[in-house]
Amino acid sequence: MSFENAIYQWQQGERRLKRAPLEQMPLLERVIDALVAELRRRLGGRFAAQELVELYDAGTSWCLQVAMKLAPEQPWAWEAGVVIDAAFARYLREAADYAGGRRELLT
C-alpha cells in the first residue's frame, strides 16, 4: 500500500469518527487511545511514516482484538473504518518524517 492510499484511508477514519453519535464518543476514544498505545509499543519512539504504512499493510487483526477486549458488548466500537483508521491517523502525526499531510526526508 502506498503512503498516499494509507493516509487517505486513515483520514477517512477520522472523518467517520467525527460523525459518530455523541453518546458513542467516550468509548470510541478509549478504543482509539488503546490502539495508539499499542502502536507506540510496536513501533517504539522514533519511526518513519512508511513503517506505520507497512504495519497497517501487514494486517490489523490485532487491532480488532484490542477493540473487542475493551468493548466486548459494543460491536460498533470495533468498526475498523473508524477506530483502527483513526488510531493510525493519530499515530502518524508522531512519525519523524510527517509534516502535516506529507512526508519529509529524514536527515
N, C-alpha and C. Protein backbone atom coordinates (compact mmCIF):
# COMPACT_ATOMS: atom_id res chain seq x y z
N MET A 1 0.85 -1.17 0.00
CA MET A 1 0.00 0.00 0.00
C MET A 1 0.90 1.24 0.00
N SER A 2 0.53 2.21 -0.77
CA SER A 2 1.31 3.44 -0.81
C SER A 2 0.96 4.33 0.38
N PHE A 3 1.86 5.24 0.68
CA PHE A 3 1.61 6.22 1.74
C PHE A 3 0.35 7.02 1.44
N GLU A 4 0.20 7.42 0.20
CA GLU A 4 -0.95 8.24 -0.19
C GLU A 4 -2.27 7.51 0.03
N ASN A 5 -2.31 6.23 -0.33
CA ASN A 5 -3.53 5.44 -0.11
C ASN A 5 -3.81 5.26 1.38
N ALA A 6 -2.75 4.98 2.12
CA ALA A 6 -2.92 4.77 3.57
C ALA A 6 -3.41 6.04 4.25
N ILE A 7 -2.79 7.16 3.97
CA ILE A 7 -3.19 8.38 4.65
C ILE A 7 -4.62 8.78 4.26
N TYR A 8 -5.01 8.54 3.03
CA TYR A 8 -6.39 8.82 2.63
C TYR A 8 -7.35 7.97 3.46
N GLN A 9 -7.05 6.70 3.58
CA GLN A 9 -7.91 5.79 4.35
C GLN A 9 -7.96 6.21 5.81
N TRP A 10 -6.83 6.57 6.37
CA TRP A 10 -6.78 6.96 7.77
C TRP A 10 -7.54 8.27 8.01
N GLN A 11 -7.42 9.20 7.08
CA GLN A 11 -8.17 10.45 7.21
C GLN A 11 -9.67 10.21 7.11
N GLN A 12 -10.07 9.26 6.30
CA GLN A 12 -11.48 8.90 6.22
C GLN A 12 -11.96 8.36 7.56
N GLY A 13 -11.12 7.60 8.24
CA GLY A 13 -11.46 7.10 9.57
C GLY A 13 -11.70 8.24 10.55
N GLU A 14 -10.87 9.28 10.48
CA GLU A 14 -11.07 10.44 11.34
C GLU A 14 -12.39 11.14 11.02
N ARG A 15 -12.72 11.22 9.74
CA ARG A 15 -13.99 11.85 9.34
C ARG A 15 -15.18 11.04 9.86
N ARG A 16 -15.09 9.72 9.75
CA ARG A 16 -16.18 8.87 10.25
C ARG A 16 -16.33 9.02 11.76
N LEU A 17 -15.21 9.12 12.44
CA LEU A 17 -15.24 9.30 13.89
C LEU A 17 -15.97 10.59 14.26
N LYS A 18 -15.70 11.65 13.54
CA LYS A 18 -16.36 12.93 13.82
C LYS A 18 -17.88 12.86 13.62
N ARG A 19 -18.33 11.94 12.77
CA ARG A 19 -19.77 11.79 12.51
C ARG A 19 -20.45 10.78 13.44
N ALA A 20 -19.67 10.17 14.32
CA ALA A 20 -20.25 9.17 15.23
C ALA A 20 -21.20 9.86 16.22
N PRO A 21 -22.21 9.13 16.67
CA PRO A 21 -23.12 9.69 17.67
C PRO A 21 -22.37 10.12 18.93
N LEU A 22 -22.78 11.23 19.48
CA LEU A 22 -22.11 11.81 20.65
C LEU A 22 -22.01 10.83 21.80
N GLU A 23 -23.05 10.04 22.02
CA GLU A 23 -23.03 9.09 23.14
C GLU A 23 -22.02 7.96 22.95
N GLN A 24 -21.57 7.73 21.73
CA GLN A 24 -20.58 6.68 21.45
C GLN A 24 -19.14 7.19 21.59
N MET A 25 -18.96 8.49 21.57
CA MET A 25 -17.62 9.05 21.54
C MET A 25 -16.71 8.63 22.69
N PRO A 26 -17.16 8.62 23.94
CA PRO A 26 -16.24 8.23 25.01
C PRO A 26 -15.63 6.84 24.81
N LEU A 27 -16.45 5.88 24.43
CA LEU A 27 -15.92 4.53 24.23
C LEU A 27 -15.06 4.46 22.97
N LEU A 28 -15.46 5.11 21.90
CA LEU A 28 -14.64 5.13 20.69
C LEU A 28 -13.27 5.73 20.99
N GLU A 29 -13.25 6.80 21.76
CA GLU A 29 -11.97 7.44 22.12
C GLU A 29 -11.11 6.51 22.99
N ARG A 30 -11.74 5.77 23.89
CA ARG A 30 -10.98 4.81 24.72
C ARG A 30 -10.34 3.75 23.85
N VAL A 31 -11.08 3.23 22.88
CA VAL A 31 -10.55 2.20 21.99
C VAL A 31 -9.41 2.79 21.16
N ILE A 32 -9.60 3.96 20.62
CA ILE A 32 -8.55 4.59 19.81
C ILE A 32 -7.30 4.85 20.65
N ASP A 33 -7.48 5.34 21.86
CA ASP A 33 -6.33 5.56 22.75
C ASP A 33 -5.57 4.27 23.01
N ALA A 34 -6.29 3.18 23.22
CA ALA A 34 -5.64 1.88 23.45
C ALA A 34 -4.89 1.42 22.20
N LEU A 35 -5.46 1.67 21.04
CA LEU A 35 -4.79 1.29 19.79
C LEU A 35 -3.54 2.13 19.56
N VAL A 36 -3.61 3.42 19.85
CA VAL A 36 -2.43 4.28 19.72
C VAL A 36 -1.34 3.82 20.68
N ALA A 37 -1.71 3.45 21.89
CA ALA A 37 -0.72 2.96 22.86
C ALA A 37 -0.06 1.68 22.34
N GLU A 38 -0.85 0.82 21.72
CA GLU A 38 -0.28 -0.42 21.17
C GLU A 38 0.60 -0.12 19.96
N LEU A 39 0.22 0.84 19.16
CA LEU A 39 1.08 1.25 18.03
C LEU A 39 2.42 1.77 18.56
N ARG A 40 2.36 2.58 19.60
CA ARG A 40 3.58 3.12 20.22
C ARG A 40 4.46 1.98 20.72
N ARG A 41 3.84 0.98 21.31
CA ARG A 41 4.61 -0.16 21.82
C ARG A 41 5.24 -0.93 20.67
N ARG A 42 4.51 -1.10 19.58
CA ARG A 42 5.00 -1.89 18.45
C ARG A 42 6.07 -1.17 17.64
N LEU A 43 5.94 0.14 17.48
CA LEU A 43 6.88 0.87 16.64
C LEU A 43 7.96 1.60 17.44
N GLY A 44 7.73 1.77 18.70
CA GLY A 44 8.73 2.43 19.52
C GLY A 44 8.71 3.94 19.37
N GLY A 45 9.80 4.56 19.81
CA GLY A 45 9.89 6.01 19.82
C GLY A 45 9.93 6.64 18.44
N ARG A 46 11.06 6.70 17.85
CA ARG A 46 11.23 7.35 16.54
C ARG A 46 10.90 6.35 15.44
N PHE A 47 9.99 6.73 14.57
CA PHE A 47 9.62 5.86 13.45
C PHE A 47 9.29 6.72 12.25
N ALA A 48 9.37 6.11 11.09
CA ALA A 48 9.04 6.79 9.83
C ALA A 48 7.61 6.42 9.41
N ALA A 49 6.99 7.31 8.68
CA ALA A 49 5.62 7.09 8.22
C ALA A 49 5.51 5.78 7.45
N GLN A 50 6.51 5.45 6.66
CA GLN A 50 6.45 4.21 5.87
C GLN A 50 6.41 2.98 6.78
N GLU A 51 7.04 3.04 7.93
CA GLU A 51 6.97 1.93 8.87
C GLU A 51 5.53 1.72 9.36
N LEU A 52 4.83 2.81 9.58
CA LEU A 52 3.44 2.72 10.01
C LEU A 52 2.58 2.14 8.88
N VAL A 53 2.84 2.56 7.66
CA VAL A 53 2.12 2.03 6.50
C VAL A 53 2.36 0.52 6.39
N GLU A 54 3.60 0.10 6.56
CA GLU A 54 3.93 -1.33 6.46
C GLU A 54 3.24 -2.13 7.56
N LEU A 55 3.17 -1.58 8.76
CA LEU A 55 2.49 -2.27 9.85
C LEU A 55 1.01 -2.43 9.53
N TYR A 56 0.41 -1.38 9.02
CA TYR A 56 -1.01 -1.42 8.63
C TYR A 56 -1.23 -2.43 7.51
N ASP A 57 -0.36 -2.39 6.54
CA ASP A 57 -0.48 -3.28 5.39
C ASP A 57 -0.28 -4.75 5.77
N ALA A 58 0.49 -5.00 6.83
CA ALA A 58 0.75 -6.37 7.27
C ALA A 58 -0.48 -7.01 7.92
N GLY A 59 -1.44 -6.18 8.31
CA GLY A 59 -2.66 -6.71 8.91
C GLY A 59 -2.98 -6.04 10.23
N THR A 60 -4.26 -5.86 10.45
CA THR A 60 -4.71 -5.15 11.66
C THR A 60 -5.63 -6.01 12.52
N SER A 61 -5.55 -7.31 12.37
CA SER A 61 -6.41 -8.17 13.19
C SER A 61 -6.14 -7.99 14.68
N TRP A 62 -4.91 -7.65 15.01
CA TRP A 62 -4.58 -7.41 16.42
C TRP A 62 -5.37 -6.20 16.95
N CYS A 63 -5.65 -5.24 16.08
CA CYS A 63 -6.45 -4.06 16.48
C CYS A 63 -7.86 -4.48 16.87
N LEU A 64 -8.42 -5.36 16.09
CA LEU A 64 -9.76 -5.84 16.39
C LEU A 64 -9.79 -6.53 17.76
N GLN A 65 -8.75 -7.28 18.06
CA GLN A 65 -8.68 -7.95 19.36
C GLN A 65 -8.65 -6.93 20.50
N VAL A 66 -7.88 -5.86 20.32
CA VAL A 66 -7.82 -4.80 21.34
C VAL A 66 -9.20 -4.18 21.53
N ALA A 67 -9.86 -3.85 20.42
CA ALA A 67 -11.18 -3.22 20.48
C ALA A 67 -12.20 -4.14 21.14
N MET A 68 -12.19 -5.41 20.77
CA MET A 68 -13.15 -6.36 21.33
C MET A 68 -12.93 -6.56 22.83
N LYS A 69 -11.69 -6.51 23.25
CA LYS A 69 -11.40 -6.67 24.68
C LYS A 69 -11.92 -5.48 25.48
N LEU A 70 -11.80 -4.27 24.92
CA LEU A 70 -12.26 -3.08 25.62
C LEU A 70 -13.77 -2.89 25.58
N ALA A 71 -14.38 -3.38 24.51
CA ALA A 71 -15.82 -3.16 24.33
C ALA A 71 -16.50 -4.44 23.84
N PRO A 72 -16.49 -5.49 24.66
CA PRO A 72 -16.99 -6.78 24.19
C PRO A 72 -18.47 -6.79 23.81
N GLU A 73 -19.25 -5.89 24.37
CA GLU A 73 -20.69 -5.87 24.11
C GLU A 73 -21.10 -4.76 23.14
N GLN A 74 -20.13 -4.04 22.59
CA GLN A 74 -20.44 -2.92 21.69
C GLN A 74 -19.72 -3.09 20.35
N PRO A 75 -20.24 -3.92 19.47
CA PRO A 75 -19.56 -4.17 18.19
C PRO A 75 -19.36 -2.92 17.34
N TRP A 76 -20.15 -1.88 17.53
CA TRP A 76 -19.94 -0.64 16.79
C TRP A 76 -18.59 0.00 17.15
N ALA A 77 -18.03 -0.35 18.32
CA ALA A 77 -16.74 0.19 18.75
C ALA A 77 -15.57 -0.58 18.15
N TRP A 78 -15.87 -1.58 17.33
CA TRP A 78 -14.82 -2.37 16.68
C TRP A 78 -14.68 -2.00 15.22
N GLU A 79 -15.50 -1.10 14.74
CA GLU A 79 -15.54 -0.76 13.32
C GLU A 79 -14.16 -0.30 12.83
N ALA A 80 -13.55 -1.14 12.02
CA ALA A 80 -12.18 -0.87 11.55
C ALA A 80 -12.07 0.46 10.82
N GLY A 81 -13.06 0.78 10.01
CA GLY A 81 -13.03 2.02 9.26
C GLY A 81 -13.15 3.26 10.11
N VAL A 82 -13.41 3.07 11.39
CA VAL A 82 -13.47 4.20 12.32
C VAL A 82 -12.29 4.12 13.28
N VAL A 83 -12.32 3.16 14.18
CA VAL A 83 -11.34 3.16 15.27
C VAL A 83 -9.92 2.83 14.81
N ILE A 84 -9.78 1.86 13.94
CA ILE A 84 -8.43 1.49 13.51
C ILE A 84 -7.84 2.59 12.65
N ASP A 85 -8.60 3.04 11.66
CA ASP A 85 -8.07 4.08 10.77
C ASP A 85 -7.81 5.38 11.52
N ALA A 86 -8.68 5.76 12.43
CA ALA A 86 -8.46 6.98 13.21
C ALA A 86 -7.23 6.84 14.11
N ALA A 87 -7.02 5.67 14.67
CA ALA A 87 -5.83 5.46 15.52
C ALA A 87 -4.55 5.58 14.70
N PHE A 88 -4.53 5.00 13.51
CA PHE A 88 -3.35 5.10 12.67
C PHE A 88 -3.13 6.56 12.24
N ALA A 89 -4.21 7.28 11.96
CA ALA A 89 -4.09 8.70 11.59
C ALA A 89 -3.48 9.50 12.73
N ARG A 90 -3.91 9.23 13.93
CA ARG A 90 -3.37 9.96 15.09
C ARG A 90 -1.91 9.63 15.32
N TYR A 91 -1.58 8.36 15.19
CA TYR A 91 -0.19 7.98 15.46
C TYR A 91 0.73 8.48 14.35
N LEU A 92 0.22 8.61 13.14
CA LEU A 92 1.04 9.13 12.04
C LEU A 92 1.62 10.49 12.39
N ARG A 93 0.89 11.29 13.12
CA ARG A 93 1.37 12.63 13.48
C ARG A 93 2.65 12.60 14.30
N GLU A 94 2.97 11.44 14.87
CA GLU A 94 4.18 11.32 15.66
C GLU A 94 5.37 10.81 14.83
N ALA A 95 5.14 10.50 13.57
CA ALA A 95 6.23 10.00 12.72
C ALA A 95 7.29 11.08 12.55
N ALA A 96 8.54 10.66 12.55
CA ALA A 96 9.66 11.59 12.45
C ALA A 96 9.65 12.35 11.12
N ASP A 97 9.08 11.76 10.10
CA ASP A 97 9.12 12.38 8.77
C ASP A 97 7.76 12.88 8.31
N TYR A 98 6.83 13.06 9.22
CA TYR A 98 5.50 13.53 8.84
C TYR A 98 5.38 15.02 9.11
N ALA A 99 4.87 15.73 8.12
CA ALA A 99 4.73 17.18 8.26
C ALA A 99 3.40 17.62 7.68
N GLY A 100 2.34 17.46 8.43
CA GLY A 100 1.05 17.97 8.06
C GLY A 100 0.51 17.50 6.72
N GLY A 101 0.48 16.20 6.50
CA GLY A 101 -0.11 15.67 5.29
C GLY A 101 0.89 15.18 4.27
N ARG A 102 2.14 15.38 4.54
CA ARG A 102 3.16 14.88 3.62
C ARG A 102 4.37 14.40 4.40
N ARG A 103 5.19 13.65 3.70
CA ARG A 103 6.42 13.16 4.33
C ARG A 103 7.58 14.04 3.95
N GLU A 104 8.52 14.20 4.87
CA GLU A 104 9.75 14.91 4.61
C GLU A 104 10.89 13.92 4.65
N LEU A 105 11.98 14.28 4.03
CA LEU A 105 13.17 13.43 4.07
C LEU A 105 13.79 13.52 5.45
N LEU A 106 14.14 12.37 6.00
CA LEU A 106 14.83 12.34 7.29
C LEU A 106 16.30 12.61 7.06
N THR A 107 16.87 13.40 7.95
CA THR A 107 18.31 13.67 7.83
C THR A 107 19.05 13.08 8.98
